[in-house]
N, C-alpha and C. Protein backbone atom coordinates (compact mmCIF):
# COMPACT_ATOMS: atom_id res chain seq x y z
N GLN A 1 -0.56 -6.98 10.34
CA GLN A 1 -1.20 -7.63 9.21
C GLN A 1 -2.62 -7.11 9.03
N HIS A 2 -3.33 -6.96 10.13
CA HIS A 2 -4.70 -6.44 10.06
C HIS A 2 -4.70 -5.01 9.52
N LEU A 3 -3.74 -4.19 9.94
CA LEU A 3 -3.68 -2.82 9.44
C LEU A 3 -3.42 -2.76 7.94
N ALA A 4 -2.64 -3.70 7.44
CA ALA A 4 -2.39 -3.75 5.99
C ALA A 4 -3.68 -4.02 5.24
N VAL A 5 -4.52 -4.88 5.78
CA VAL A 5 -5.79 -5.19 5.13
C VAL A 5 -6.72 -3.98 5.17
N VAL A 6 -6.77 -3.28 6.30
CA VAL A 6 -7.61 -2.09 6.42
C VAL A 6 -7.13 -1.01 5.44
N ALA A 7 -5.82 -0.78 5.40
CA ALA A 7 -5.28 0.20 4.46
C ALA A 7 -5.56 -0.23 3.02
N GLY A 8 -5.42 -1.52 2.75
CA GLY A 8 -5.71 -2.03 1.41
C GLY A 8 -7.16 -1.80 1.03
N ASP A 9 -8.07 -2.01 1.98
CA ASP A 9 -9.49 -1.76 1.72
C ASP A 9 -9.74 -0.28 1.41
N MET A 10 -9.08 0.60 2.17
CA MET A 10 -9.24 2.04 1.90
C MET A 10 -8.75 2.37 0.50
N LEU A 11 -7.60 1.84 0.13
CA LEU A 11 -7.03 2.11 -1.19
C LEU A 11 -7.92 1.56 -2.30
N GLU A 12 -8.50 0.38 -2.08
CA GLU A 12 -9.42 -0.17 -3.08
C GLU A 12 -10.66 0.70 -3.22
N MET A 13 -11.16 1.25 -2.11
CA MET A 13 -12.32 2.16 -2.18
C MET A 13 -11.98 3.42 -2.96
N MET A 14 -10.69 3.78 -3.01
CA MET A 14 -10.24 4.94 -3.77
C MET A 14 -10.00 4.61 -5.24
N GLY A 15 -10.13 3.32 -5.59
CA GLY A 15 -9.98 2.92 -6.98
C GLY A 15 -8.66 2.26 -7.33
N PHE A 16 -7.81 2.04 -6.34
CA PHE A 16 -6.53 1.37 -6.60
C PHE A 16 -6.69 -0.14 -6.61
N ASP A 17 -5.92 -0.80 -7.45
CA ASP A 17 -5.75 -2.24 -7.34
C ASP A 17 -4.64 -2.45 -6.33
N VAL A 18 -4.85 -3.29 -5.34
CA VAL A 18 -3.94 -3.42 -4.21
C VAL A 18 -3.31 -4.80 -4.16
N SER A 19 -2.01 -4.84 -3.95
CA SER A 19 -1.29 -6.07 -3.65
C SER A 19 -0.64 -5.86 -2.29
N ILE A 20 -0.94 -6.74 -1.34
CA ILE A 20 -0.42 -6.59 0.01
C ILE A 20 0.77 -7.52 0.21
N ALA A 21 1.84 -6.95 0.74
CA ALA A 21 3.01 -7.72 1.12
C ALA A 21 3.15 -7.60 2.63
N HIS A 22 3.44 -8.72 3.29
CA HIS A 22 3.51 -8.72 4.75
C HIS A 22 4.93 -8.59 5.27
N SER A 23 5.87 -8.39 4.38
CA SER A 23 7.25 -8.14 4.77
C SER A 23 7.94 -7.38 3.64
N ALA A 24 9.09 -6.83 3.94
CA ALA A 24 9.85 -6.12 2.91
C ALA A 24 10.27 -7.08 1.80
N ASN A 25 10.64 -8.30 2.17
CA ASN A 25 11.04 -9.29 1.17
C ASN A 25 9.89 -9.58 0.20
N GLU A 26 8.68 -9.75 0.73
CA GLU A 26 7.51 -9.97 -0.13
C GLU A 26 7.28 -8.77 -1.03
N ALA A 27 7.45 -7.57 -0.49
CA ALA A 27 7.23 -6.35 -1.28
C ALA A 27 8.23 -6.28 -2.43
N LEU A 28 9.49 -6.60 -2.16
CA LEU A 28 10.50 -6.59 -3.22
C LEU A 28 10.18 -7.62 -4.29
N GLN A 29 9.69 -8.77 -3.89
CA GLN A 29 9.28 -9.79 -4.87
C GLN A 29 8.13 -9.30 -5.72
N LEU A 30 7.16 -8.62 -5.11
CA LEU A 30 6.03 -8.07 -5.87
C LEU A 30 6.51 -7.03 -6.87
N ILE A 31 7.40 -6.15 -6.43
CA ILE A 31 7.92 -5.10 -7.31
C ILE A 31 8.59 -5.72 -8.54
N ASN A 32 9.30 -6.81 -8.33
CA ASN A 32 9.99 -7.47 -9.44
C ASN A 32 9.03 -8.25 -10.34
N ARG A 33 7.92 -8.73 -9.77
CA ARG A 33 7.03 -9.63 -10.51
C ARG A 33 5.90 -8.89 -11.24
N LEU A 34 5.36 -7.86 -10.61
CA LEU A 34 4.20 -7.20 -11.21
C LEU A 34 4.63 -6.24 -12.31
N PRO A 35 3.93 -6.25 -13.44
CA PRO A 35 4.33 -5.40 -14.56
C PRO A 35 4.14 -3.92 -14.30
N ARG A 36 3.15 -3.57 -13.48
CA ARG A 36 2.90 -2.15 -13.22
C ARG A 36 2.57 -1.94 -11.76
N ILE A 37 3.30 -1.04 -11.15
CA ILE A 37 3.02 -0.61 -9.78
C ILE A 37 3.06 0.91 -9.80
N ASP A 38 2.01 1.52 -9.26
CA ASP A 38 1.89 2.97 -9.31
C ASP A 38 2.28 3.66 -8.01
N LEU A 39 2.41 2.89 -6.91
CA LEU A 39 2.63 3.48 -5.61
C LEU A 39 3.11 2.42 -4.63
N LEU A 40 4.05 2.81 -3.75
CA LEU A 40 4.39 1.99 -2.60
C LEU A 40 3.86 2.71 -1.37
N PHE A 41 3.03 2.03 -0.59
CA PHE A 41 2.54 2.55 0.68
C PHE A 41 2.93 1.55 1.74
N SER A 42 3.77 1.98 2.69
CA SER A 42 4.30 1.05 3.68
C SER A 42 4.35 1.70 5.05
N ASP A 43 4.13 0.87 6.06
CA ASP A 43 4.39 1.29 7.42
C ASP A 43 5.90 1.27 7.63
N ILE A 44 6.40 2.14 8.48
CA ILE A 44 7.83 2.11 8.78
C ILE A 44 8.18 0.86 9.57
N VAL A 45 7.31 0.46 10.50
CA VAL A 45 7.56 -0.75 11.28
C VAL A 45 7.00 -1.94 10.51
N MET A 46 7.90 -2.88 10.18
CA MET A 46 7.49 -4.07 9.43
C MET A 46 8.13 -5.31 10.04
N PRO A 47 7.47 -6.46 9.91
CA PRO A 47 8.10 -7.70 10.35
C PRO A 47 9.19 -8.13 9.37
N GLY A 48 10.09 -8.98 9.82
CA GLY A 48 11.05 -9.58 8.89
C GLY A 48 12.43 -8.96 8.90
N GLY A 49 12.70 -8.00 9.76
CA GLY A 49 14.06 -7.48 9.87
C GLY A 49 14.37 -6.25 9.04
N THR A 50 13.59 -5.96 8.02
CA THR A 50 13.79 -4.75 7.21
C THR A 50 12.61 -3.84 7.45
N ASN A 51 12.88 -2.58 7.80
CA ASN A 51 11.76 -1.67 8.07
C ASN A 51 11.30 -0.98 6.78
N GLY A 52 10.22 -0.25 6.89
CA GLY A 52 9.64 0.39 5.72
C GLY A 52 10.54 1.44 5.08
N LEU A 53 11.34 2.13 5.89
CA LEU A 53 12.26 3.11 5.33
C LEU A 53 13.35 2.42 4.52
N GLU A 54 13.87 1.32 5.04
CA GLU A 54 14.88 0.56 4.29
C GLU A 54 14.28 0.00 3.00
N LEU A 55 13.04 -0.48 3.09
CA LEU A 55 12.34 -0.97 1.89
C LEU A 55 12.21 0.15 0.87
N ALA A 56 11.80 1.32 1.32
CA ALA A 56 11.63 2.46 0.41
C ALA A 56 12.96 2.80 -0.26
N ASN A 57 14.04 2.77 0.49
CA ASN A 57 15.35 3.07 -0.09
C ASN A 57 15.76 2.04 -1.13
N HIS A 58 15.50 0.75 -0.86
CA HIS A 58 15.80 -0.31 -1.84
C HIS A 58 14.99 -0.09 -3.12
N ILE A 59 13.71 0.21 -2.95
CA ILE A 59 12.84 0.39 -4.12
C ILE A 59 13.21 1.65 -4.88
N ARG A 60 13.59 2.70 -4.17
CA ARG A 60 13.97 3.96 -4.83
C ARG A 60 15.18 3.73 -5.74
N GLU A 61 16.10 2.85 -5.33
CA GLU A 61 17.26 2.53 -6.17
C GLU A 61 16.84 1.84 -7.46
N ARG A 62 15.85 0.95 -7.37
CA ARG A 62 15.40 0.18 -8.54
C ARG A 62 14.39 0.94 -9.39
N ARG A 63 13.52 1.70 -8.72
CA ARG A 63 12.43 2.39 -9.40
C ARG A 63 12.35 3.83 -8.91
N PRO A 64 13.28 4.71 -9.33
CA PRO A 64 13.32 6.07 -8.79
C PRO A 64 12.07 6.89 -9.06
N GLU A 65 11.29 6.51 -10.06
CA GLU A 65 10.08 7.27 -10.41
C GLU A 65 8.87 6.88 -9.57
N LEU A 66 8.96 5.78 -8.82
CA LEU A 66 7.80 5.26 -8.09
C LEU A 66 7.48 6.12 -6.88
N PRO A 67 6.26 6.66 -6.79
CA PRO A 67 5.86 7.42 -5.61
C PRO A 67 5.84 6.51 -4.37
N ILE A 68 6.33 7.03 -3.25
CA ILE A 68 6.41 6.27 -2.01
C ILE A 68 5.78 7.09 -0.90
N LEU A 69 4.88 6.45 -0.15
CA LEU A 69 4.25 7.06 1.03
C LEU A 69 4.48 6.11 2.19
N LEU A 70 5.00 6.64 3.29
CA LEU A 70 5.22 5.85 4.50
C LEU A 70 4.24 6.27 5.59
N ALA A 71 3.96 5.34 6.50
CA ALA A 71 3.10 5.62 7.65
C ALA A 71 3.84 5.24 8.92
N SER A 72 3.58 5.98 9.99
CA SER A 72 4.21 5.67 11.26
C SER A 72 3.35 6.15 12.41
N GLY A 73 3.35 5.37 13.47
CA GLY A 73 2.67 5.76 14.69
C GLY A 73 3.61 6.37 15.71
N PHE A 74 4.88 6.49 15.36
CA PHE A 74 5.89 7.01 16.28
C PHE A 74 6.19 8.46 15.95
N SER A 75 6.07 9.33 16.93
CA SER A 75 6.25 10.76 16.67
C SER A 75 7.69 11.10 16.29
N ASN A 76 8.67 10.33 16.75
CA ASN A 76 10.06 10.65 16.42
C ASN A 76 10.46 10.20 15.02
N ALA A 77 9.58 9.50 14.34
CA ALA A 77 9.90 9.03 12.98
C ALA A 77 10.15 10.22 12.05
N GLN A 78 9.39 11.30 12.23
CA GLN A 78 9.57 12.47 11.37
C GLN A 78 10.97 13.04 11.54
N GLN A 79 11.45 13.13 12.77
CA GLN A 79 12.78 13.66 13.01
C GLN A 79 13.85 12.70 12.46
N LYS A 80 13.68 11.42 12.72
CA LYS A 80 14.69 10.43 12.34
C LYS A 80 14.85 10.33 10.83
N ASP A 81 13.75 10.38 10.12
CA ASP A 81 13.80 10.15 8.67
C ASP A 81 14.02 11.42 7.87
N ALA A 82 13.97 12.56 8.52
CA ALA A 82 14.15 13.85 7.85
C ALA A 82 13.23 14.00 6.64
N LEU A 83 12.13 13.29 6.65
CA LEU A 83 11.09 13.38 5.62
C LEU A 83 11.63 13.28 4.20
N ILE A 84 12.47 12.30 3.95
CA ILE A 84 12.90 12.00 2.59
C ILE A 84 11.67 11.57 1.78
N TYR A 85 10.78 10.85 2.42
CA TYR A 85 9.53 10.40 1.81
C TYR A 85 8.38 11.03 2.59
N PRO A 86 7.26 11.27 1.93
CA PRO A 86 6.09 11.75 2.67
C PRO A 86 5.71 10.75 3.76
N LEU A 87 5.32 11.27 4.91
CA LEU A 87 5.00 10.43 6.07
C LEU A 87 3.59 10.74 6.56
N LEU A 88 2.77 9.71 6.66
CA LEU A 88 1.41 9.81 7.15
C LEU A 88 1.39 9.31 8.59
N ASP A 89 0.95 10.17 9.51
CA ASP A 89 0.89 9.79 10.92
C ASP A 89 -0.27 8.85 11.18
N LYS A 90 -0.01 7.81 11.97
CA LYS A 90 -1.07 6.89 12.40
C LYS A 90 -1.54 7.30 13.78
N PRO A 91 -2.79 7.07 14.08
CA PRO A 91 -3.79 6.50 13.20
C PRO A 91 -4.27 7.54 12.18
N TYR A 92 -4.62 7.07 11.01
CA TYR A 92 -5.09 7.98 9.96
C TYR A 92 -6.48 7.55 9.52
N THR A 93 -7.19 8.50 8.97
CA THR A 93 -8.54 8.25 8.47
C THR A 93 -8.47 8.06 6.94
N TYR A 94 -9.56 7.64 6.40
CA TYR A 94 -9.69 7.52 4.94
C TYR A 94 -9.37 8.86 4.29
N GLU A 95 -9.90 9.94 4.88
CA GLU A 95 -9.71 11.27 4.31
C GLU A 95 -8.24 11.69 4.35
N LYS A 96 -7.55 11.41 5.46
CA LYS A 96 -6.14 11.78 5.56
C LYS A 96 -5.29 10.98 4.57
N LEU A 97 -5.62 9.71 4.40
CA LEU A 97 -4.91 8.89 3.41
C LEU A 97 -5.16 9.43 2.01
N ALA A 98 -6.42 9.75 1.72
CA ALA A 98 -6.76 10.29 0.40
C ALA A 98 -6.03 11.61 0.14
N ASP A 99 -5.98 12.47 1.15
CA ASP A 99 -5.29 13.75 1.00
C ASP A 99 -3.79 13.54 0.75
N ALA A 100 -3.18 12.64 1.49
CA ALA A 100 -1.75 12.37 1.32
C ALA A 100 -1.46 11.82 -0.07
N LEU A 101 -2.32 10.95 -0.57
CA LEU A 101 -2.12 10.39 -1.91
C LEU A 101 -2.36 11.45 -2.98
N HIS A 102 -3.34 12.31 -2.75
CA HIS A 102 -3.61 13.39 -3.71
C HIS A 102 -2.38 14.30 -3.84
N GLU A 103 -1.75 14.63 -2.71
CA GLU A 103 -0.55 15.46 -2.75
C GLU A 103 0.60 14.74 -3.43
N LEU A 104 0.73 13.44 -3.16
CA LEU A 104 1.85 12.66 -3.69
C LEU A 104 1.71 12.40 -5.19
N LEU A 105 0.49 12.09 -5.62
CA LEU A 105 0.29 11.69 -7.01
C LEU A 105 -0.15 12.88 -7.85
C-alpha cells in the first residue's frame, strides 16, 4: 500500500492525475467508473487473490487500447510473463519510471 502511494506521488509529479486501487477488484471498479483512464500501472504482486498480470489481462480484454506498465521485484517475472506487457524492475527511481512511461506512451 505504501509503495502505491509513493508511485502515485511520482506519477503526480510527472503531471498525471492518479487514482490508486489497493486490489485488482478495486482497479476493475475504477476502470468501469472513471470516464477517462490513460494508463494502468500495477505491481505484479497484489493483495486480494488476483495478481497484476491477471488484472492486466482482464483490462486488456475490456480496453485493448489502454497502455499497461507492470512492476516487479522478482527477477523471474520477466521469464514467466514473456514480456507481454512492459515490465519495470523494482526498486525503481523516478527517472526509470519516467523513462518507462516515455517509451510506453
